[in-house]
């Protein structure tokens, strides 16, 4: 009888350990998705700033003096001579000249792609969070059963020793 109880106790312990490993794996995937989501949000913020800047340039008449950020809170005064065209990076170190309207269109397309990606990542994260909650509930239930079984075995051992 005691051997059967010991086997059941070992089985519960193995199952709980397996669940805890799965929980850790899910948490790692959630953290990775969260980092991906932060990157997407940062990219969206950058696109918004570029869009605002391009719209501001579009309002210039040419020859006007503007401040251009050069980093670390520093700016350079420059005269805006051509406010119709901009140089836009298209990836892999390649840049092309576009009209501001074309650049704004490109920004809008990029924004739509990023928002689509954000929605997909959020859906994956929600799914993982639900799975995590379910596995945590199972782990808590197993831990409770394990403690009950240990208490039962301890009582049997005590009663057998009398």
N, C-alpha and C. Protein backbone atom coordinates (compact mmCIF):
# COMPACT_ATOMS: atom_id res chain seq x y z
N UNK A 1 0.83 -1.20 0.00
CA UNK A 1 0.00 0.00 0.00
C UNK A 1 0.87 1.25 0.00
N UNK A 2 1.94 1.25 0.81
CA UNK A 2 2.81 2.42 0.90
C UNK A 2 3.54 2.65 -0.41
N UNK A 3 3.88 1.54 -1.11
CA UNK A 3 4.57 1.67 -2.38
C UNK A 3 3.68 2.36 -3.41
N UNK A 4 2.40 2.04 -3.40
CA UNK A 4 1.44 2.66 -4.32
C UNK A 4 1.33 4.16 -4.02
N UNK A 5 1.29 4.50 -2.75
CA UNK A 5 1.22 5.91 -2.35
C UNK A 5 2.46 6.67 -2.77
N UNK A 6 3.62 6.03 -2.61
CA UNK A 6 4.89 6.66 -2.99
C UNK A 6 4.94 6.89 -4.50
N UNK A 7 4.46 5.93 -5.28
CA UNK A 7 4.43 6.08 -6.74
C UNK A 7 3.51 7.22 -7.15
N UNK A 8 2.35 7.30 -6.48
CA UNK A 8 1.40 8.37 -6.79
C UNK A 8 2.00 9.73 -6.44
N UNK A 9 2.71 9.79 -5.32
CA UNK A 9 3.37 11.03 -4.91
C UNK A 9 4.44 11.43 -5.93
N UNK A 10 5.24 10.48 -6.38
CA UNK A 10 6.28 10.75 -7.38
C UNK A 10 5.66 11.21 -8.70
N UNK A 11 4.54 10.60 -9.08
CA UNK A 11 3.86 10.98 -10.32
C UNK A 11 3.37 12.43 -10.22
N UNK A 12 2.78 12.79 -9.11
CA UNK A 12 2.31 14.16 -8.91
C UNK A 12 3.48 15.15 -8.97
N UNK A 13 4.61 14.79 -8.37
CA UNK A 13 5.78 15.66 -8.38
C UNK A 13 6.31 15.86 -9.80
N UNK A 14 6.38 14.75 -10.57
CA UNK A 14 6.85 14.86 -11.96
C UNK A 14 5.92 15.74 -12.79
N UNK A 15 4.63 15.54 -12.61
CA UNK A 15 3.66 16.33 -13.37
C UNK A 15 3.76 17.81 -13.01
N UNK A 16 3.95 18.09 -11.74
CA UNK A 16 4.10 19.49 -11.30
C UNK A 16 5.38 20.09 -11.88
N UNK A 17 6.47 19.35 -11.86
CA UNK A 17 7.73 19.84 -12.43
C UNK A 17 7.59 20.11 -13.93
N UNK A 18 6.90 19.22 -14.65
CA UNK A 18 6.68 19.40 -16.08
C UNK A 18 5.87 20.68 -16.33
N UNK A 19 4.84 20.89 -15.53
CA UNK A 19 4.03 22.10 -15.68
C UNK A 19 4.85 23.36 -15.40
N UNK A 20 5.70 23.30 -14.39
CA UNK A 20 6.53 24.46 -14.06
C UNK A 20 7.51 24.78 -15.19
N UNK A 21 8.04 23.76 -15.85
CA UNK A 21 8.92 23.98 -17.00
C UNK A 21 8.13 24.64 -18.12
N UNK A 22 6.93 24.14 -18.38
CA UNK A 22 6.08 24.73 -19.42
C UNK A 22 5.73 26.18 -19.10
N UNK A 23 5.44 26.45 -17.85
CA UNK A 23 5.12 27.82 -17.42
C UNK A 23 6.31 28.75 -17.68
N UNK A 24 7.51 28.28 -17.35
CA UNK A 24 8.72 29.09 -17.60
C UNK A 24 8.93 29.34 -19.09
N UNK A 25 8.66 28.33 -19.90
CA UNK A 25 8.81 28.50 -21.35
C UNK A 25 7.80 29.52 -21.88
N UNK A 26 6.58 29.44 -21.42
CA UNK A 26 5.55 30.40 -21.86
C UNK A 26 5.93 31.81 -21.42
N UNK A 27 6.41 31.95 -20.20
CA UNK A 27 6.83 33.27 -19.72
C UNK A 27 7.95 33.83 -20.58
N UNK A 28 8.87 32.98 -21.00
CA UNK A 28 9.96 33.42 -21.88
C UNK A 28 9.43 33.89 -23.23
N UNK A 29 8.46 33.16 -23.77
CA UNK A 29 7.86 33.57 -25.05
C UNK A 29 7.10 34.88 -24.90
N UNK A 30 6.43 35.06 -23.77
CA UNK A 30 5.70 36.31 -23.52
C UNK A 30 6.68 37.47 -23.44
N UNK A 31 7.80 37.27 -22.77
CA UNK A 31 8.82 38.33 -22.66
C UNK A 31 9.37 38.70 -24.04
N UNK A 32 9.60 37.69 -24.89
CA UNK A 32 10.10 37.95 -26.24
C UNK A 32 9.07 38.73 -27.05
N UNK A 33 7.80 38.36 -26.93
CA UNK A 33 6.74 39.08 -27.65
C UNK A 33 6.60 40.50 -27.12
N UNK A 34 6.79 40.66 -25.83
CA UNK A 34 6.71 42.00 -25.23
C UNK A 34 7.83 42.89 -25.77
N UNK A 35 9.03 42.34 -25.92
CA UNK A 35 10.15 43.10 -26.49
C UNK A 35 9.84 43.45 -27.95
N UNK A 36 9.25 42.51 -28.68
CA UNK A 36 8.89 42.76 -30.08
C UNK A 36 7.83 43.86 -30.15
N UNK A 37 6.89 43.84 -29.22
CA UNK A 37 5.83 44.85 -29.18
C UNK A 37 6.42 46.23 -28.89
N UNK A 38 7.39 46.29 -27.98
CA UNK A 38 8.05 47.57 -27.67
C UNK A 38 8.77 48.12 -28.89
N UNK A 39 9.41 47.24 -29.65
CA UNK A 39 10.10 47.66 -30.87
C UNK A 39 9.11 48.20 -31.90
N UNK A 40 7.99 47.54 -32.04
CA UNK A 40 6.95 48.00 -32.96
C UNK A 40 6.43 49.37 -32.53
N UNK A 41 6.17 49.53 -31.25
CA UNK A 41 5.67 50.81 -30.73
C UNK A 41 6.69 51.93 -30.97
N UNK A 42 7.96 51.60 -30.77
CA UNK A 42 9.01 52.59 -31.00
C UNK A 42 9.05 52.99 -32.48
N UNK A 43 8.93 52.00 -33.36
CA UNK A 43 8.94 52.29 -34.80
C UNK A 43 7.73 53.13 -35.19
N UNK A 44 6.58 52.85 -34.61
CA UNK A 44 5.39 53.65 -34.89
C UNK A 44 5.58 55.10 -34.43
N UNK A 45 6.19 55.26 -33.27
CA UNK A 45 6.47 56.61 -32.76
C UNK A 45 7.41 57.36 -33.68
N UNK A 46 8.42 56.66 -34.18
CA UNK A 46 9.37 57.28 -35.11
C UNK A 46 8.67 57.69 -36.41
N UNK A 47 7.81 56.83 -36.92
CA UNK A 47 7.06 57.17 -38.14
C UNK A 47 6.18 58.40 -37.93
N UNK A 48 5.58 58.50 -36.75
CA UNK A 48 4.74 59.67 -36.46
C UNK A 48 5.57 60.95 -36.45
N UNK A 49 6.77 60.87 -35.88
CA UNK A 49 7.65 62.05 -35.84
C UNK A 49 8.09 62.43 -37.26
N UNK A 50 8.42 61.45 -38.07
CA UNK A 50 8.84 61.72 -39.45
C UNK A 50 7.68 62.36 -40.22
N UNK A 51 6.49 61.82 -40.03
CA UNK A 51 5.32 62.35 -40.72
C UNK A 51 5.08 63.82 -40.34
N UNK A 52 5.17 64.11 -39.05
CA UNK A 52 5.00 65.50 -38.59
C UNK A 52 6.05 66.41 -39.21
N UNK A 53 7.28 65.94 -39.24
CA UNK A 53 8.37 66.74 -39.81
C UNK A 53 8.14 67.00 -41.30
N UNK A 54 7.78 65.95 -42.03
CA UNK A 54 7.55 66.11 -43.47
C UNK A 54 6.38 67.06 -43.75
N UNK A 55 5.35 66.97 -42.96
CA UNK A 55 4.22 67.88 -43.14
C UNK A 55 4.64 69.32 -42.84
N UNK A 56 5.50 69.48 -41.84
CA UNK A 56 6.03 70.82 -41.54
C UNK A 56 6.88 71.36 -42.68
N UNK A 57 7.70 70.52 -43.27
CA UNK A 57 8.55 70.92 -44.40
C UNK A 57 7.67 71.29 -45.60
N UNK A 58 6.60 70.54 -45.76
CA UNK A 58 5.69 70.78 -46.88
C UNK A 58 5.09 72.19 -46.81
N UNK A 59 4.96 72.71 -45.61
CA UNK A 59 4.36 74.04 -45.43
C UNK A 59 5.37 75.17 -45.69
N UNK A 60 6.66 74.82 -45.75
CA UNK A 60 7.68 75.84 -46.00
C UNK A 60 7.60 76.32 -47.44
N UNK A 61 8.00 77.55 -47.65
CA UNK A 61 7.94 78.12 -49.00
C UNK A 61 9.29 78.03 -49.71
N UNK A 62 10.32 77.65 -49.04
CA UNK A 62 11.66 77.57 -49.63
C UNK A 62 12.46 78.79 -49.23
N UNK A 63 13.70 78.57 -48.92
CA UNK A 63 14.56 79.66 -48.49
C UNK A 63 14.40 80.02 -47.02
N UNK A 64 13.43 79.43 -46.35
CA UNK A 64 13.23 79.71 -44.94
C UNK A 64 14.28 78.99 -44.10
N UNK A 65 14.61 79.57 -42.98
CA UNK A 65 15.59 78.97 -42.09
C UNK A 65 14.87 78.02 -41.13
N UNK A 66 15.42 76.82 -40.99
CA UNK A 66 14.86 75.84 -40.06
C UNK A 66 15.97 75.26 -39.19
N UNK A 67 15.56 74.71 -38.06
CA UNK A 67 16.51 74.04 -37.17
C UNK A 67 16.46 72.54 -37.46
N UNK A 68 17.61 71.96 -37.69
CA UNK A 68 17.71 70.53 -37.97
C UNK A 68 18.43 69.86 -36.80
N UNK A 69 17.78 68.86 -36.17
CA UNK A 69 18.45 68.16 -35.06
C UNK A 69 19.63 67.34 -35.55
N UNK A 70 20.74 67.43 -34.82
CA UNK A 70 21.93 66.66 -35.17
C UNK A 70 22.29 65.66 -34.07
N UNK A 71 21.46 65.59 -33.04
CA UNK A 71 21.68 64.63 -31.96
C UNK A 71 22.06 65.30 -30.66
N UNK A 72 21.84 64.58 -29.58
CA UNK A 72 22.19 65.03 -28.23
C UNK A 72 21.60 66.40 -27.91
N UNK A 73 20.39 66.67 -28.42
CA UNK A 73 19.72 67.93 -28.14
C UNK A 73 20.34 69.12 -28.84
N UNK A 74 21.13 68.89 -29.87
CA UNK A 74 21.78 69.96 -30.61
C UNK A 74 21.12 70.14 -31.97
N UNK A 75 21.12 71.40 -32.46
CA UNK A 75 20.48 71.72 -33.73
C UNK A 75 21.40 72.60 -34.57
N UNK A 76 21.17 72.55 -35.88
CA UNK A 76 21.90 73.39 -36.82
C UNK A 76 20.86 74.20 -37.60
N UNK A 77 21.15 75.48 -37.80
CA UNK A 77 20.26 76.31 -38.62
C UNK A 77 20.63 76.08 -40.09
N UNK A 78 19.62 75.76 -40.89
CA UNK A 78 19.85 75.57 -42.32
C UNK A 78 18.75 76.29 -43.10
N UNK A 79 19.07 76.61 -44.31
CA UNK A 79 18.11 77.25 -45.20
C UNK A 79 17.47 76.15 -46.05
N UNK A 80 16.16 76.06 -46.00
CA UNK A 80 15.44 75.03 -46.74
C UNK A 80 15.23 75.51 -48.17
N UNK A 81 16.05 75.02 -49.09
CA UNK A 81 15.96 75.48 -50.48
C UNK A 81 15.00 74.62 -51.29
N UNK A 82 15.02 73.29 -51.12
CA UNK A 82 14.12 72.42 -51.87
C UNK A 82 13.19 71.74 -50.88
N UNK A 83 11.96 72.20 -50.84
CA UNK A 83 11.00 71.62 -49.90
C UNK A 83 10.01 70.69 -50.60
N UNK A 84 10.30 70.33 -51.82
CA UNK A 84 9.41 69.46 -52.59
C UNK A 84 9.84 68.00 -52.53
N UNK A 85 11.14 67.74 -52.36
CA UNK A 85 11.63 66.37 -52.43
C UNK A 85 12.47 66.05 -51.19
N UNK A 86 12.46 64.77 -50.84
CA UNK A 86 13.24 64.30 -49.70
C UNK A 86 13.94 63.00 -50.08
N UNK A 87 14.97 62.67 -49.36
CA UNK A 87 15.67 61.40 -49.55
C UNK A 87 15.13 60.44 -48.49
N UNK A 88 14.68 59.27 -48.95
CA UNK A 88 14.03 58.30 -48.06
C UNK A 88 14.77 56.97 -48.13
N UNK A 89 15.11 56.44 -46.96
CA UNK A 89 15.72 55.12 -46.89
C UNK A 89 14.68 54.06 -47.21
N UNK A 90 15.06 53.11 -48.07
CA UNK A 90 14.14 52.04 -48.44
C UNK A 90 14.61 50.67 -47.94
N UNK A 91 15.70 50.66 -47.21
CA UNK A 91 16.21 49.42 -46.64
C UNK A 91 17.53 49.00 -47.25
N UNK A 92 18.24 48.17 -46.53
CA UNK A 92 19.53 47.63 -46.96
C UNK A 92 20.52 48.72 -47.33
N UNK A 93 20.45 49.87 -46.64
CA UNK A 93 21.38 50.97 -46.90
C UNK A 93 21.09 51.74 -48.18
N UNK A 94 19.95 51.51 -48.79
CA UNK A 94 19.58 52.17 -50.04
C UNK A 94 18.60 53.30 -49.75
N UNK A 95 18.83 54.46 -50.39
CA UNK A 95 17.94 55.60 -50.23
C UNK A 95 17.55 56.11 -51.62
N UNK A 96 16.32 56.61 -51.72
CA UNK A 96 15.83 57.14 -52.99
C UNK A 96 15.21 58.51 -52.75
N UNK A 97 15.18 59.29 -53.81
CA UNK A 97 14.56 60.60 -53.72
C UNK A 97 13.08 60.46 -54.06
N UNK A 98 12.24 61.10 -53.23
CA UNK A 98 10.79 61.05 -53.44
C UNK A 98 10.21 62.42 -53.17
N UNK A 99 9.00 62.63 -53.68
CA UNK A 99 8.29 63.84 -53.29
C UNK A 99 7.81 63.63 -51.85
N UNK A 100 7.48 64.70 -51.20
CA UNK A 100 7.01 64.57 -49.82
C UNK A 100 5.71 63.75 -49.78
N UNK A 101 4.84 63.96 -50.75
CA UNK A 101 3.61 63.18 -50.79
C UNK A 101 3.90 61.69 -50.95
N UNK A 102 4.85 61.33 -51.79
CA UNK A 102 5.23 59.93 -51.95
C UNK A 102 5.83 59.38 -50.66
N UNK A 103 6.63 60.19 -49.99
CA UNK A 103 7.23 59.77 -48.72
C UNK A 103 6.13 59.57 -47.67
N UNK A 104 5.15 60.46 -47.64
CA UNK A 104 4.05 60.33 -46.69
C UNK A 104 3.22 59.07 -46.98
N UNK A 105 3.04 58.76 -48.25
CA UNK A 105 2.34 57.53 -48.64
C UNK A 105 3.11 56.31 -48.14
N UNK A 106 4.41 56.34 -48.34
CA UNK A 106 5.26 55.25 -47.89
C UNK A 106 5.18 55.08 -46.37
N UNK A 107 5.17 56.19 -45.66
CA UNK A 107 5.06 56.16 -44.20
C UNK A 107 3.74 55.53 -43.79
N UNK A 108 2.67 55.91 -44.48
CA UNK A 108 1.36 55.35 -44.17
C UNK A 108 1.33 53.84 -44.39
N UNK A 109 1.96 53.38 -45.47
CA UNK A 109 2.03 51.94 -45.74
C UNK A 109 2.82 51.22 -44.64
N UNK A 110 3.94 51.83 -44.24
CA UNK A 110 4.75 51.24 -43.17
C UNK A 110 3.96 51.18 -41.87
N UNK A 111 3.21 52.25 -41.59
CA UNK A 111 2.40 52.31 -40.37
C UNK A 111 1.36 51.19 -40.37
N UNK A 112 0.70 50.99 -41.52
CA UNK A 112 -0.31 49.94 -41.62
C UNK A 112 0.29 48.56 -41.38
N UNK A 113 1.48 48.32 -41.94
CA UNK A 113 2.17 47.05 -41.72
C UNK A 113 2.53 46.86 -40.25
N UNK A 114 3.03 47.92 -39.64
CA UNK A 114 3.41 47.84 -38.23
C UNK A 114 2.18 47.61 -37.35
N UNK A 115 1.08 48.28 -37.66
CA UNK A 115 -0.14 48.09 -36.87
C UNK A 115 -0.68 46.68 -37.04
N UNK A 116 -0.55 46.13 -38.24
CA UNK A 116 -0.95 44.75 -38.47
C UNK A 116 -0.07 43.81 -37.63
N UNK A 117 1.23 44.06 -37.65
CA UNK A 117 2.16 43.25 -36.85
C UNK A 117 1.86 43.38 -35.36
N UNK A 118 1.57 44.60 -34.94
CA UNK A 118 1.25 44.83 -33.52
C UNK A 118 0.03 44.02 -33.11
N UNK A 119 -1.01 44.02 -33.95
CA UNK A 119 -2.23 43.26 -33.65
C UNK A 119 -1.93 41.76 -33.57
N UNK A 120 -1.10 41.26 -34.49
CA UNK A 120 -0.74 39.84 -34.49
C UNK A 120 0.03 39.48 -33.21
N UNK A 121 0.98 40.33 -32.84
CA UNK A 121 1.77 40.07 -31.64
C UNK A 121 0.88 40.12 -30.40
N UNK A 122 -0.03 41.09 -30.35
CA UNK A 122 -0.93 41.19 -29.20
C UNK A 122 -1.84 39.97 -29.11
N UNK A 123 -2.32 39.48 -30.25
CA UNK A 123 -3.15 38.27 -30.25
C UNK A 123 -2.36 37.07 -29.73
N UNK A 124 -1.11 36.93 -30.21
CA UNK A 124 -0.27 35.83 -29.73
C UNK A 124 -0.04 35.95 -28.23
N UNK A 125 0.21 37.18 -27.79
CA UNK A 125 0.47 37.40 -26.37
C UNK A 125 -0.77 37.07 -25.53
N UNK A 126 -1.94 37.49 -25.99
CA UNK A 126 -3.17 37.19 -25.26
C UNK A 126 -3.40 35.69 -25.18
N UNK A 127 -3.13 34.99 -26.28
CA UNK A 127 -3.28 33.54 -26.29
C UNK A 127 -2.31 32.89 -25.28
N UNK A 128 -1.07 33.37 -25.28
CA UNK A 128 -0.09 32.82 -24.34
C UNK A 128 -0.45 33.15 -22.89
N UNK A 129 -0.98 34.35 -22.67
CA UNK A 129 -1.38 34.72 -21.31
C UNK A 129 -2.51 33.82 -20.82
N UNK A 130 -3.46 33.49 -21.70
CA UNK A 130 -4.54 32.57 -21.33
C UNK A 130 -3.99 31.18 -21.02
N UNK A 131 -3.06 30.72 -21.86
CA UNK A 131 -2.44 29.42 -21.65
C UNK A 131 -1.65 29.41 -20.34
N UNK A 132 -0.94 30.51 -20.09
CA UNK A 132 -0.16 30.62 -18.85
C UNK A 132 -1.08 30.55 -17.64
N UNK A 133 -2.19 31.28 -17.67
CA UNK A 133 -3.12 31.28 -16.55
C UNK A 133 -3.68 29.88 -16.31
N UNK A 134 -4.02 29.19 -17.38
CA UNK A 134 -4.54 27.84 -17.27
C UNK A 134 -3.51 26.91 -16.63
N UNK A 135 -2.27 26.98 -17.09
CA UNK A 135 -1.22 26.11 -16.56
C UNK A 135 -0.88 26.47 -15.11
N UNK A 136 -0.93 27.75 -14.78
CA UNK A 136 -0.69 28.15 -13.39
C UNK A 136 -1.79 27.60 -12.48
N UNK A 137 -3.03 27.65 -12.95
CA UNK A 137 -4.13 27.09 -12.16
C UNK A 137 -3.95 25.58 -11.95
N UNK A 138 -3.55 24.88 -13.02
CA UNK A 138 -3.29 23.44 -12.92
C UNK A 138 -2.15 23.17 -11.94
N UNK A 139 -1.11 23.98 -12.02
CA UNK A 139 0.04 23.80 -11.13
C UNK A 139 -0.36 24.02 -9.68
N UNK A 140 -1.19 25.02 -9.43
CA UNK A 140 -1.65 25.26 -8.05
C UNK A 140 -2.48 24.09 -7.54
N UNK A 141 -3.33 23.55 -8.41
CA UNK A 141 -4.16 22.41 -8.03
C UNK A 141 -3.27 21.19 -7.75
N UNK A 142 -2.28 20.96 -8.59
CA UNK A 142 -1.35 19.84 -8.37
C UNK A 142 -0.57 20.02 -7.07
N UNK A 143 -0.13 21.24 -6.81
CA UNK A 143 0.62 21.51 -5.58
C UNK A 143 -0.25 21.23 -4.36
N UNK A 144 -1.54 21.59 -4.45
CA UNK A 144 -2.47 21.33 -3.35
C UNK A 144 -2.63 19.81 -3.15
N UNK A 145 -2.82 19.07 -4.25
CA UNK A 145 -2.96 17.61 -4.18
C UNK A 145 -1.70 16.98 -3.60
N UNK A 146 -0.55 17.50 -4.02
CA UNK A 146 0.72 16.98 -3.54
C UNK A 146 0.85 17.17 -2.03
N UNK A 147 0.49 18.32 -1.55
CA UNK A 147 0.55 18.58 -0.10
C UNK A 147 -0.42 17.69 0.66
N UNK A 148 -1.61 17.48 0.10
CA UNK A 148 -2.59 16.60 0.74
C UNK A 148 -2.05 15.18 0.81
N UNK A 149 -1.44 14.73 -0.28
CA UNK A 149 -0.90 13.37 -0.34
C UNK A 149 0.24 13.21 0.68
N UNK A 150 1.10 14.24 0.75
CA UNK A 150 2.21 14.18 1.73
C UNK A 150 1.67 14.12 3.15
N UNK A 151 0.64 14.92 3.43
CA UNK A 151 0.04 14.93 4.77
C UNK A 151 -0.58 13.56 5.07
N UNK A 152 -1.25 12.98 4.07
CA UNK A 152 -1.86 11.66 4.23
C UNK A 152 -0.80 10.60 4.53
N UNK A 153 0.30 10.66 3.79
CA UNK A 153 1.39 9.69 4.01
C UNK A 153 2.03 9.86 5.38
N UNK A 154 2.16 11.13 5.80
CA UNK A 154 2.74 11.40 7.10
C UNK A 154 1.84 10.83 8.22
N UNK A 155 0.52 10.97 8.04
CA UNK A 155 -0.42 10.43 9.04
C UNK A 155 -0.34 8.92 9.07
N UNK A 156 -0.27 8.30 7.87
CA UNK A 156 -0.17 6.84 7.82
C UNK A 156 1.12 6.35 8.47
N UNK A 157 2.19 7.09 8.24
CA UNK A 157 3.47 6.70 8.83
C UNK A 157 3.42 6.82 10.34
N UNK A 158 2.77 7.87 10.80
CA UNK A 158 2.64 8.09 12.24
C UNK A 158 1.78 7.01 12.87
N UNK A 159 0.69 6.68 12.20
CA UNK A 159 -0.23 5.65 12.72
C UNK A 159 0.44 4.27 12.70
N UNK A 160 1.26 4.03 11.69
CA UNK A 160 1.97 2.74 11.58
C UNK A 160 3.05 2.60 12.63
N UNK A 161 3.60 3.72 13.08
CA UNK A 161 4.68 3.67 14.06
C UNK A 161 4.18 3.48 15.47
N UNK A 162 2.92 3.56 15.70
CA UNK A 162 2.37 3.42 17.05
C UNK A 162 2.20 2.02 17.47
